[in-house]
Amino acid sequence: MTTDPTHLTAAGIQPERPLRILALANQKGGVGKTTTAINLGTALAAIGERVLVLDLDPQGNASTGLGIDRRQRKVSTYHVLAGEASLADACIPTAVPRLMIAPSTMDLLSLEMEMASAPDRAHRLRNVLKDVGASGATEGVSYILIDCPPSLNLLTINALAASDAVLVPLQCEFFALEGLSQLLRTVEQVRGALNPRLTIQGIVLTMFDPRNNLSAQVVADVRSFMGDKVYETMIPRNVRVSEAPSHGKPVLLYDLKCAGSQAYLRLASEIIQREGRLPVAA
């Protein structure tokens, strides 16, 4: 018998949420990938999801942006992928209710070399995530957002091999489509060789400036090329979004009313509606 989630929600009962694993990937740096991981995770948590941000970037910017001091990162994603600790051991609660992070450290830089000859080198993360959500610190997690490094290395391949879908932050600038084409080819290769269920969940346009004619042209080109894979929500270029990480806060905690915060809340709702996890408003 099929359960109607709309009926359950109306009755005040939350339907069971299957775990969704999304890799935030773009081999180009400076496109808003980490900013999107932090703030999308916060927005999803704000509307009731239980979220784990998994920091796979050795720079650890997602960890810093969520207020996790480097001295707190005694167990990191390096230890998890190296088999020295469980994912639950690495999870740290953040200042945002229902949002946790598994932080990273610079040790991740050496992991690719350490795993190079291992037979499970591309599936190390997938094996780690098999039991997430069942019990312990990760019980009830409904979204894992993986903040990938800005390159198509073994860490990114692990993220793509473990994920249900890829979310691509794309800056509204001249070389956007060129970088997107390279990433799409990589996703196809991973789908063929490692993870047949992998899809493109969506493309989110970041740093949009309506005063800039180039931004508008990039938006038109990307929508023409990718169609409905591009989210309606665009993240504007916003000084409050840029300031928030220096305070160790997502922008939704730093300034809820700013344009960037409101855009991330709309993006979270759009993602959930696109996946059919909430009834679409009439």
C-alpha atoms as a PDB file:
ATOM      1  CA  MET A   1       0.000   0.000   0.000  1.00  0.00           C
ATOM      2  CA  THR A   2       1.350   3.446  -0.955  1.00  0.00           C
ATOM      3  CA  THR A   3       1.354   6.100   1.749  1.00  0.00           C
ATOM      4  CA  ASP A   4       0.327   9.595   0.727  1.00  0.00           C
ATOM      5  CA  PRO A   5       2.926  11.983   2.233  1.00  0.00           C
ATOM      6  CA  THR A   6       0.525  14.920   1.819  1.00  0.00           C
ATOM      7  CA  HIS A   7      -2.035  13.158   4.026  1.00  0.00           C
ATOM      8  CA  LEU A   8       0.598  12.334   6.633  1.00  0.00           C
ATOM      9  CA  THR A   9       1.886  15.915   6.748  1.00  0.00           C
ATOM     10  CA  ALA A  10      -1.660  17.276   7.098  1.00  0.00           C
ATOM     11  CA  ALA A  11      -2.207  14.899  10.002  1.00  0.00           C
ATOM     12  CA  GLY A  12       0.915  16.203  11.740  1.00  0.00           C
ATOM     13  CA  ILE A  13       2.922  13.027  11.047  1.00  0.00           C
ATOM     14  CA  GLN A  14       6.215  13.331   9.227  1.00  0.00           C
ATOM     15  CA  PRO A  15       6.652  10.553   6.635  1.00  0.00           C
ATOM     16  CA  GLU A  16       9.886   8.578   6.805  1.00  0.00           C
ATOM     17  CA  ARG A  17      12.625  10.369   4.895  1.00  0.00           C
ATOM     18  CA  PRO A  18      14.989   8.200   2.865  1.00  0.00           C
ATOM     19  CA  LEU A  19      18.599   9.331   3.040  1.00  0.00           C
ATOM     20  CA  ARG A  20      19.737  11.468   0.100  1.00  0.00           C
ATOM     21  CA  ILE A  21      23.448  11.966  -0.566  1.00  0.00           C
ATOM     22  CA  LEU A  22      24.354  14.984  -2.696  1.00  0.00           C
ATOM     23  CA  ALA A  23      27.878  15.825  -3.843  1.00  0.00           C
ATOM     24  CA  LEU A  24      28.520  19.541  -4.337  1.00  0.00           C
ATOM     25  CA  ALA A  25      31.117  19.495  -7.075  1.00  0.00           C
ATOM     26  CA  ASN A  26      32.817  21.794  -9.511  1.00  0.00           C
ATOM     27  CA  GLN A  27      36.474  21.446 -10.458  1.00  0.00           C
ATOM     28  CA  LYS A  28      36.759  25.229 -10.710  1.00  0.00           C
ATOM     29  CA  GLY A  29      37.464  27.079  -7.471  1.00  0.00           C
ATOM     30  CA  GLY A  30      35.724  30.251  -6.333  1.00  0.00           C
ATOM     31  CA  VAL A  31      32.268  29.335  -7.638  1.00  0.00           C
ATOM     32  CA  GLY A  32      30.469  29.298  -4.284  1.00  0.00           C
ATOM     33  CA  LYS A  33      30.620  25.539  -3.730  1.00  0.00           C
ATOM     34  CA  THR A  34      31.562  25.619  -0.052  1.00  0.00           C
ATOM     35  CA  THR A  35      29.313  28.610   0.595  1.00  0.00           C
ATOM     36  CA  THR A  36      26.438  26.648  -0.933  1.00  0.00           C
ATOM     37  CA  ALA A  37      27.237  23.530   1.126  1.00  0.00           C
ATOM     38  CA  ILE A  38      27.183  25.559   4.365  1.00  0.00           C
ATOM     39  CA  ASN A  39      24.094  27.611   3.643  1.00  0.00           C
ATOM     40  CA  LEU A  40      22.051  24.980   1.843  1.00  0.00           C
ATOM     41  CA  GLY A  41      22.702  22.628   4.765  1.00  0.00           C
ATOM     42  CA  THR A  42      21.556  25.342   7.170  1.00  0.00           C
ATOM     43  CA  ALA A  43      18.454  26.088   5.096  1.00  0.00           C
ATOM     44  CA  LEU A  44      17.505  22.398   4.860  1.00  0.00           C
ATOM     45  CA  ALA A  45      17.915  22.068   8.634  1.00  0.00           C
ATOM     46  CA  ALA A  46      15.810  25.209   9.150  1.00  0.00           C
ATOM     47  CA  ILE A  47      12.879  23.645   7.295  1.00  0.00           C
ATOM     48  CA  GLY A  48      13.046  20.416   9.286  1.00  0.00           C
ATOM     49  CA  GLU A  49      15.608  18.126   7.643  1.00  0.00           C
ATOM     50  CA  ARG A  50      18.414  16.507   9.634  1.00  0.00           C
ATOM     51  CA  VAL A  51      21.594  17.265   7.712  1.00  0.00           C
ATOM     52  CA  LEU A  52      25.227  16.172   7.756  1.00  0.00           C
ATOM     53  CA  VAL A  53      27.802  18.242   5.871  1.00  0.00           C
ATOM     54  CA  LEU A  54      30.762  16.055   4.997  1.00  0.00           C
ATOM     55  CA  ASP A  55      33.862  18.182   4.408  1.00  0.00           C
ATOM     56  CA  LEU A  56      36.135  16.495   1.848  1.00  0.00           C
ATOM     57  CA  ASP A  57      38.140  19.595   0.961  1.00  0.00           C
ATOM     58  CA  PRO A  58      41.585  19.611   2.645  1.00  0.00           C
ATOM     59  CA  GLN A  59      41.294  23.399   3.040  1.00  0.00           C
ATOM     60  CA  GLY A  60      38.470  22.779   5.530  1.00  0.00           C
ATOM     61  CA  ASN A  61      36.559  25.934   4.646  1.00  0.00           C
ATOM     62  CA  ALA A  62      33.153  24.346   5.245  1.00  0.00           C
ATOM     63  CA  SER A  63      34.294  23.367   8.736  1.00  0.00           C
ATOM     64  CA  THR A  64      35.586  26.878   9.449  1.00  0.00           C
ATOM     65  CA  GLY A  65      32.454  28.466   7.996  1.00  0.00           C
ATOM     66  CA  LEU A  66      30.308  26.456  10.413  1.00  0.00           C
ATOM     67  CA  GLY A  67      32.352  27.604  13.389  1.00  0.00           C
ATOM     68  CA  ILE A  68      34.461  24.463  13.959  1.00  0.00           C
ATOM     69  CA  ASP A  69      37.855  25.539  15.262  1.00  0.00           C
ATOM     70  CA  ARG A  70      40.825  23.521  14.003  1.00  0.00           C
ATOM     71  CA  ARG A  71      41.549  22.408  17.573  1.00  0.00           C
ATOM     72  CA  GLN A  72      38.153  20.688  17.641  1.00  0.00           C
ATOM     73  CA  ARG A  73      38.968  18.545  14.604  1.00  0.00           C
ATOM     74  CA  LYS A  74      40.614  15.714  16.499  1.00  0.00           C
ATOM     75  CA  VAL A  75      38.713  13.197  14.345  1.00  0.00           C
ATOM     76  CA  SER A  76      38.273  14.240  10.733  1.00  0.00           C
ATOM     77  CA  THR A  77      37.174  12.855   7.384  1.00  0.00           C
ATOM     78  CA  TYR A  78      40.800  11.806   6.895  1.00  0.00           C
ATOM     79  CA  HIS A  79      40.569   9.403   9.843  1.00  0.00           C
ATOM     80  CA  VAL A  80      37.224   8.105   8.570  1.00  0.00           C
ATOM     81  CA  LEU A  81      38.454   7.387   5.037  1.00  0.00           C
ATOM     82  CA  ALA A  82      41.734   5.962   6.343  1.00  0.00           C
ATOM     83  CA  GLY A  83      39.732   3.452   8.406  1.00  0.00           C
ATOM     84  CA  GLU A  84      40.979   4.855  11.710  1.00  0.00           C
ATOM     85  CA  ALA A  85      37.578   6.075  12.992  1.00  0.00           C
ATOM     86  CA  SER A  86      33.880   5.772  12.289  1.00  0.00           C
ATOM     87  CA  LEU A  87      31.879   8.559  10.675  1.00  0.00           C
ATOM     88  CA  ALA A  88      29.887   8.923  13.895  1.00  0.00           C
ATOM     89  CA  ASP A  89      33.154   9.631  15.745  1.00  0.00           C
ATOM     90  CA  ALA A  90      33.889  12.523  13.367  1.00  0.00           C
ATOM     91  CA  CYS A  91      30.461  14.188  13.524  1.00  0.00           C
ATOM     92  CA  ILE A  92      30.329  17.496  15.411  1.00  0.00           C
ATOM     93  CA  PRO A  93      27.079  19.372  16.128  1.00  0.00           C
ATOM     94  CA  THR A  94      26.998  22.952  14.863  1.00  0.00           C
ATOM     95  CA  ALA A  95      25.233  26.038  16.194  1.00  0.00           C
ATOM     96  CA  VAL A  96      22.385  25.203  13.811  1.00  0.00           C
ATOM     97  CA  PRO A  97      19.847  22.698  15.226  1.00  0.00           C
ATOM     98  CA  ARG A  98      19.682  19.474  13.163  1.00  0.00           C
ATOM     99  CA  LEU A  99      22.942  20.297  11.328  1.00  0.00           C
ATOM    100  CA  MET A 100      26.181  18.370  11.922  1.00  0.00           C
ATOM    101  CA  ILE A 101      29.531  18.421  10.167  1.00  0.00           C
ATOM    102  CA  ALA A 102      32.278  15.867   9.717  1.00  0.00           C
ATOM    103  CA  PRO A 103      35.257  18.269   9.481  1.00  0.00           C
ATOM    104  CA  SER A 104      38.360  18.016   7.346  1.00  0.00           C
ATOM    105  CA  THR A 105      42.021  18.741   7.936  1.00  0.00           C
ATOM    106  CA  MET A 106      45.071  19.129   5.716  1.00  0.00           C
ATOM    107  CA  ASP A 107      45.777  15.418   6.332  1.00  0.00           C
ATOM    108  CA  LEU A 108      43.398  14.735   3.446  1.00  0.00           C
ATOM    109  CA  LEU A 109      46.141  15.906   1.086  1.00  0.00           C
ATOM    110  CA  SER A 110      48.095  12.719   1.768  1.00  0.00           C
ATOM    111  CA  LEU A 111      45.105  10.389   1.548  1.00  0.00           C
ATOM    112  CA  GLU A 112      45.076  10.135  -2.243  1.00  0.00           C
ATOM    113  CA  MET A 113      48.617   8.776  -2.248  1.00  0.00           C
ATOM    114  CA  GLU A 114      47.862   6.442   0.656  1.00  0.00           C
ATOM    115  CA  MET A 115      44.816   4.987  -1.139  1.00  0.00           C
ATOM    116  CA  ALA A 116      46.339   4.854  -4.619  1.00  0.00           C
ATOM    117  CA  SER A 117      47.004   1.109  -4.618  1.00  0.00           C
ATOM    118  CA  ALA A 118      44.011   0.056  -2.492  1.00  0.00           C
ATOM    119  CA  PRO A 119      41.431  -2.066  -4.356  1.00  0.00           C
ATOM    120  CA  ASP A 120      38.579  -0.080  -2.776  1.00  0.00           C
ATOM    121  CA  ARG A 121      40.166   3.325  -3.433  1.00  0.00           C
ATOM    122  CA  ALA A 122      37.155   4.661  -5.389  1.00  0.00           C
ATOM    123  CA  HIS A 123      34.545   3.182  -3.044  1.00  0.00           C
ATOM    124  CA  ARG A 124      36.057   4.022   0.337  1.00  0.00           C
ATOM    125  CA  LEU A 125      33.450   6.699   1.079  1.00  0.00           C
ATOM    126  CA  ARG A 126      30.542   4.624  -0.241  1.00  0.00           C
ATOM    127  CA  ASN A 127      31.480   1.834   2.164  1.00  0.00           C
ATOM    128  CA  VAL A 128      31.654   4.335   5.042  1.00  0.00           C
ATOM    129  CA  LEU A 129      28.173   5.696   4.287  1.00  0.00           C
ATOM    130  CA  LYS A 130      26.379   2.323   4.071  1.00  0.00           C
ATOM    131  CA  ASP A 131      24.983   2.460   7.600  1.00  0.00           C
ATOM    132  CA  VAL A 132      24.439   6.211   7.970  1.00  0.00           C
ATOM    133  CA  GLY A 133      21.107   7.118   9.495  1.00  0.00           C
ATOM    134  CA  ALA A 134      20.501   3.763  11.151  1.00  0.00           C
ATOM    135  CA  SER A 135      21.719   4.522  14.670  1.00  0.00           C
ATOM    136  CA  GLY A 136      24.069   6.575  16.815  1.00  0.00           C
ATOM    137  CA  ALA A 137      25.153  10.114  15.975  1.00  0.00           C
ATOM    138  CA  THR A 138      23.875   9.879  12.403  1.00  0.00           C
ATOM    139  CA  GLU A 139      20.453   8.434  13.243  1.00  0.00           C
ATOM    140  CA  GLY A 140      17.670  10.141  11.328  1.00  0.00           C
ATOM    141  CA  VAL A 141      19.952  12.022   8.920  1.00  0.00           C
ATOM    142  CA  SER A 142      17.947  12.726   5.767  1.00  0.00           C
ATOM    143  CA  TYR A 143      20.558  14.658   3.749  1.00  0.00           C
ATOM    144  CA  ILE A 144      24.315  14.335   3.432  1.00  0.00           C
ATOM    145  CA  LEU A 145      25.941  17.212   1.565  1.00  0.00           C
ATOM    146  CA  ILE A 146      29.507  16.423   0.472  1.00  0.00           C
ATOM    147  CA  ASP A 147      31.699  19.477  -0.036  1.00  0.00           C
ATOM    148  CA  CYS A 148      34.197  18.287  -2.655  1.00  0.00           C
ATOM    149  CA  PRO A 149      37.618  19.792  -3.336  1.00  0.00           C
ATOM    150  CA  PRO A 150      37.894  22.112  -6.358  1.00  0.00           C
ATOM    151  CA  SER A 151      39.494  19.449  -8.557  1.00  0.00           C
ATOM    152  CA  LEU A 152      38.548  16.092 -10.056  1.00  0.00           C
ATOM    153  CA  ASN A 153      40.843  14.029  -7.846  1.00  0.00           C
ATOM    154  CA  LEU A 154      40.318  10.758  -5.976  1.00  0.00           C
ATOM    155  CA  LEU A 155      38.431  12.503  -3.168  1.00  0.00           C
ATOM    156  CA  THR A 156      35.919  13.885  -5.668  1.00  0.00           C
ATOM    157  CA  ILE A 157      35.647  10.492  -7.391  1.00  0.00           C
ATOM    158  CA  ASN A 158      34.880   8.939  -3.976  1.00  0.00           C
ATOM    159  CA  ALA A 159      32.153  11.529  -3.416  1.00  0.00           C
ATOM    160  CA  LEU A 160      30.580  10.896  -6.829  1.00  0.00           C
ATOM    161  CA  ALA A 161      30.761   7.129  -6.379  1.00  0.00           C
ATOM    162  CA  ALA A 162      28.958   7.415  -3.023  1.00  0.00           C
ATOM    163  CA  SER A 163      26.282   9.952  -3.992  1.00  0.00           C
ATOM    164  CA  ASP A 164      22.766   9.730  -5.326  1.00  0.00           C
ATOM    165  CA  ALA A 165      23.184  12.940  -7.285  1.00  0.00           C
ATOM    166  CA  VAL A 166      25.449  15.898  -8.006  1.00  0.00           C
ATOM    167  CA  LEU A 167      24.557  19.493  -7.206  1.00  0.00           C
ATOM    168  CA  VAL A 168      26.665  21.877  -9.281  1.00  0.00           C
ATOM    169  CA  PRO A 169      27.248  25.469  -8.089  1.00  0.00           C
ATOM    170  CA  LEU A 170      28.051  27.551 -11.164  1.00  0.00           C
ATOM    171  CA  GLN A 171      29.297  31.116 -11.018  1.00  0.00           C
ATOM    172  CA  CYS A 172      27.710  33.551 -13.473  1.00  0.00           C
ATOM    173  CA  GLU A 173      30.940  34.290 -15.330  1.00  0.00           C
ATOM    174  CA  PHE A 174      32.503  33.826 -18.743  1.00  0.00           C
ATOM    175  CA  PHE A 175      34.050  30.345 -18.432  1.00  0.00           C
ATOM    176  CA  ALA A 176      31.076  28.767 -16.641  1.00  0.00           C
ATOM    177  CA  LEU A 177      29.912  26.505 -19.482  1.00  0.00           C
ATOM    178  CA  GLU A 178      33.421  25.277 -20.236  1.00  0.00           C
ATOM    179  CA  GLY A 179      33.888  24.042 -16.667  1.00  0.00           C
ATOM    180  CA  LEU A 180      30.386  22.564 -16.639  1.00  0.00           C
ATOM    181  CA  SER A 181      31.100  20.493 -19.757  1.00  0.00           C
ATOM    182  CA  GLN A 182      34.179  18.957 -18.116  1.00  0.00           C
ATOM    183  CA  LEU A 183      32.211  18.059 -14.991  1.00  0.00           C
ATOM    184  CA  LEU A 184      29.369  16.502 -16.990  1.00  0.00           C
ATOM    185  CA  ARG A 185      31.883  14.271 -18.793  1.00  0.00           C
ATOM    186  CA  THR A 186      33.287  13.152 -15.441  1.00  0.00           C
ATOM    187  CA  VAL A 187      29.797  12.389 -14.119  1.00  0.00           C
ATOM    188  CA  GLU A 188      29.125  10.237 -17.199  1.00  0.00           C
ATOM    189  CA  GLN A 189      32.388   8.359 -16.668  1.00  0.00           C
ATOM    190  CA  VAL A 190      31.611   7.741 -12.984  1.00  0.00           C
ATOM    191  CA  ARG A 191      28.078   6.627 -13.857  1.00  0.00           C
ATOM    192  CA  GLY A 192      29.430   4.137 -16.391  1.00  0.00           C
ATOM    193  CA  ALA A 193      32.249   2.732 -14.273  1.00  0.00           C
ATOM    194  CA  LEU A 194      31.417   3.198 -10.585  1.00  0.00           C
ATOM    195  CA  ASN A 195      27.893   4.405  -9.785  1.00  0.00           C
ATOM    196  CA  PRO A 196      25.079   3.759 -12.282  1.00  0.00           C
ATOM    197  CA  ARG A 197      22.497   5.569 -10.119  1.00  0.00           C
ATOM    198  CA  LEU A 198      24.348   8.900 -10.198  1.00  0.00           C
ATOM    199  CA  THR A 199      22.363  11.796 -11.675  1.00  0.00           C
ATOM    200  CA  ILE A 200      22.662  15.570 -11.959  1.00  0.00           C
ATOM    201  CA  GLN A 201      20.334  16.810  -9.222  1.00  0.00           C
ATOM    202  CA  GLY A 202      20.574  20.368 -10.411  1.00  0.00           C
ATOM    203  CA  ILE A 203      22.697  23.378 -11.225  1.00  0.00           C
ATOM    204  CA  VAL A 204      22.545  26.416  -8.980  1.00  0.00           C
ATOM    205  CA  LEU A 205      23.692  29.718 -10.437  1.00  0.00           C
ATOM    206  CA  THR A 206      25.753  31.693  -7.908  1.00  0.00           C
ATOM    207  CA  MET A 207      27.104  35.238  -7.567  1.00  0.00           C
ATOM    208  CA  PHE A 208      24.418  36.580  -9.882  1.00  0.00           C
ATOM    209  CA  ASP A 209      24.569  40.345 -10.377  1.00  0.00           C
ATOM    210  CA  PRO A 210      21.525  41.750 -12.199  1.00  0.00           C
ATOM    211  CA  ARG A 211      23.457  44.941 -13.014  1.00  0.00           C
ATOM    212  CA  ASN A 212      25.998  42.957 -15.021  1.00  0.00           C
ATOM    213  CA  ASN A 213      25.040  42.146 -18.615  1.00  0.00           C
ATOM    214  CA  LEU A 214      27.484  39.222 -18.657  1.00  0.00           C
ATOM    215  CA  SER A 215      25.687  37.598 -15.690  1.00  0.00           C
ATOM    216  CA  ALA A 216      22.388  37.743 -17.561  1.00  0.00           C
ATOM    217  CA  GLN A 217      23.981  36.259 -20.697  1.00  0.00           C
ATOM    218  CA  VAL A 218      25.546  33.391 -18.714  1.00  0.00           C
ATOM    219  CA  VAL A 219      22.167  32.642 -17.112  1.00  0.00           C
ATOM    220  CA  ALA A 220      20.526  32.523 -20.558  1.00  0.00           C
ATOM    221  CA  ASP A 221      23.286  30.287 -21.982  1.00  0.00           C
ATOM    222  CA  VAL A 222      23.243  27.820 -19.074  1.00  0.00           C
ATOM    223  CA  ARG A 223      19.439  27.569 -19.097  1.00  0.00           C
ATOM    224  CA  SER A 224      19.499  27.014 -22.866  1.00  0.00           C
ATOM    225  CA  PHE A 225      22.169  24.300 -22.528  1.00  0.00           C
ATOM    226  CA  MET A 226      20.827  22.482 -19.439  1.00  0.00           C
ATOM    227  CA  GLY A 227      17.083  23.276 -19.474  1.00  0.00           C
ATOM    228  CA  ASP A 228      15.155  22.364 -16.347  1.00  0.00           C
ATOM    229  CA  LYS A 229      18.264  20.983 -14.636  1.00  0.00           C
ATOM    230  CA  VAL A 230      18.970  24.604 -13.682  1.00  0.00           C
ATOM    231  CA  TYR A 231      17.208  25.721 -10.508  1.00  0.00           C
ATOM    232  CA  GLU A 232      14.903  28.707 -10.740  1.00  0.00           C
ATOM    233  CA  THR A 233      16.539  30.104  -7.606  1.00  0.00           C
ATOM    234  CA  MET A 234      19.743  32.045  -8.216  1.00  0.00           C
ATOM    235  CA  ILE A 235      22.122  33.076  -5.442  1.00  0.00           C
ATOM    236  CA  PRO A 236      22.867  36.797  -5.726  1.00  0.00           C
ATOM    237  CA  ARG A 237      26.233  38.405  -5.219  1.00  0.00           C
ATOM    238  CA  ASN A 238      25.742  39.605  -1.642  1.00  0.00           C
ATOM    239  CA  VAL A 239      28.204  41.136   0.802  1.00  0.00           C
ATOM    240  CA  ARG A 240      26.548  39.481   3.822  1.00  0.00           C
ATOM    241  CA  VAL A 241      27.127  36.037   2.280  1.00  0.00           C
ATOM    242  CA  SER A 242      30.812  36.912   1.871  1.00  0.00           C
ATOM    243  CA  GLU A 243      31.152  38.251   5.431  1.00  0.00           C
ATOM    244  CA  ALA A 244      29.474  35.374   7.264  1.00  0.00           C
ATOM    245  CA  PRO A 245      32.317  32.743   7.063  1.00  0.00           C
ATOM    246  CA  SER A 246      34.759  35.105   8.785  1.00  0.00           C
ATOM    247  CA  HIS A 247      32.401  35.019  11.774  1.00  0.00           C
ATOM    248  CA  GLY A 248      32.163  31.194  11.682  1.00  0.00           C
ATOM    249  CA  LYS A 249      28.479  31.378  10.811  1.00  0.00           C
ATOM    250  CA  PRO A 250      26.252  30.468   7.883  1.00  0.00           C
ATOM    251  CA  VAL A 251      24.642  33.576   6.444  1.00  0.00           C
ATOM    252  CA  LEU A 252      21.224  32.479   7.742  1.00  0.00           C
ATOM    253  CA  LEU A 253      22.542  32.937  11.300  1.00  0.00           C
ATOM    254  CA  TYR A 254      24.570  36.019  10.447  1.00  0.00           C
ATOM    255  CA  ASP A 255      21.768  37.916   8.693  1.00  0.00           C
ATOM    256  CA  LEU A 256      18.541  36.010   8.071  1.00  0.00           C
ATOM    257  CA  LYS A 257      16.853  38.865   6.237  1.00  0.00           C
ATOM    258  CA  CYS A 258      19.550  39.529   3.641  1.00  0.00           C
ATOM    259  CA  ALA A 259      19.024  38.585   0.007  1.00  0.00           C
ATOM    260  CA  GLY A 260      21.523  35.706   0.187  1.00  0.00           C
ATOM    261  CA  SER A 261      19.800  34.040   3.148  1.00  0.00           C
ATOM    262  CA  GLN A 262      16.406  34.276   1.520  1.00  0.00           C
ATOM    263  CA  ALA A 263      17.794  32.805  -1.712  1.00  0.00           C
ATOM    264  CA  TYR A 264      19.222  29.766   0.110  1.00  0.00           C
ATOM    265  CA  LEU A 265      15.893  29.155   1.846  1.00  0.00           C
ATOM    266  CA  ARG A 266      14.151  29.225  -1.547  1.00  0.00           C
ATOM    267  CA  LEU A 267      16.782  26.870  -2.975  1.00  0.00           C
ATOM    268  CA  ALA A 268      16.262  24.369  -0.143  1.00  0.00           C
ATOM    269  CA  SER A 269      12.508  24.373  -0.737  1.00  0.00           C
ATOM    270  CA  GLU A 270      13.021  23.979  -4.482  1.00  0.00           C
ATOM    271  CA  ILE A 271      15.340  20.993  -3.990  1.00  0.00           C
ATOM    272  CA  ILE A 272      12.884  19.225  -1.687  1.00  0.00           C
ATOM    273  CA  GLN A 273       9.949  19.913  -3.991  1.00  0.00           C
ATOM    274  CA  ARG A 274      11.935  18.741  -7.022  1.00  0.00           C
ATOM    275  CA  GLU A 275      12.560  15.436  -5.256  1.00  0.00           C
ATOM    276  CA  GLY A 276       8.896  15.084  -4.296  1.00  0.00           C
ATOM    277  CA  ARG A 277       9.704  15.138  -0.586  1.00  0.00           C
ATOM    278  CA  LEU A 278       7.149  17.875   0.111  1.00  0.00           C
ATOM    279  CA  PRO A 279       3.813  18.566  -1.544  1.00  0.00           C
ATOM    280  CA  VAL A 280       4.239  21.366  -4.066  1.00  0.00           C
ATOM    281  CA  ALA A 281       2.257  24.444  -3.066  1.00  0.00           C
ATOM    282  CA  ALA A 282      -0.697  25.188  -5.311  1.00  0.00           C
END
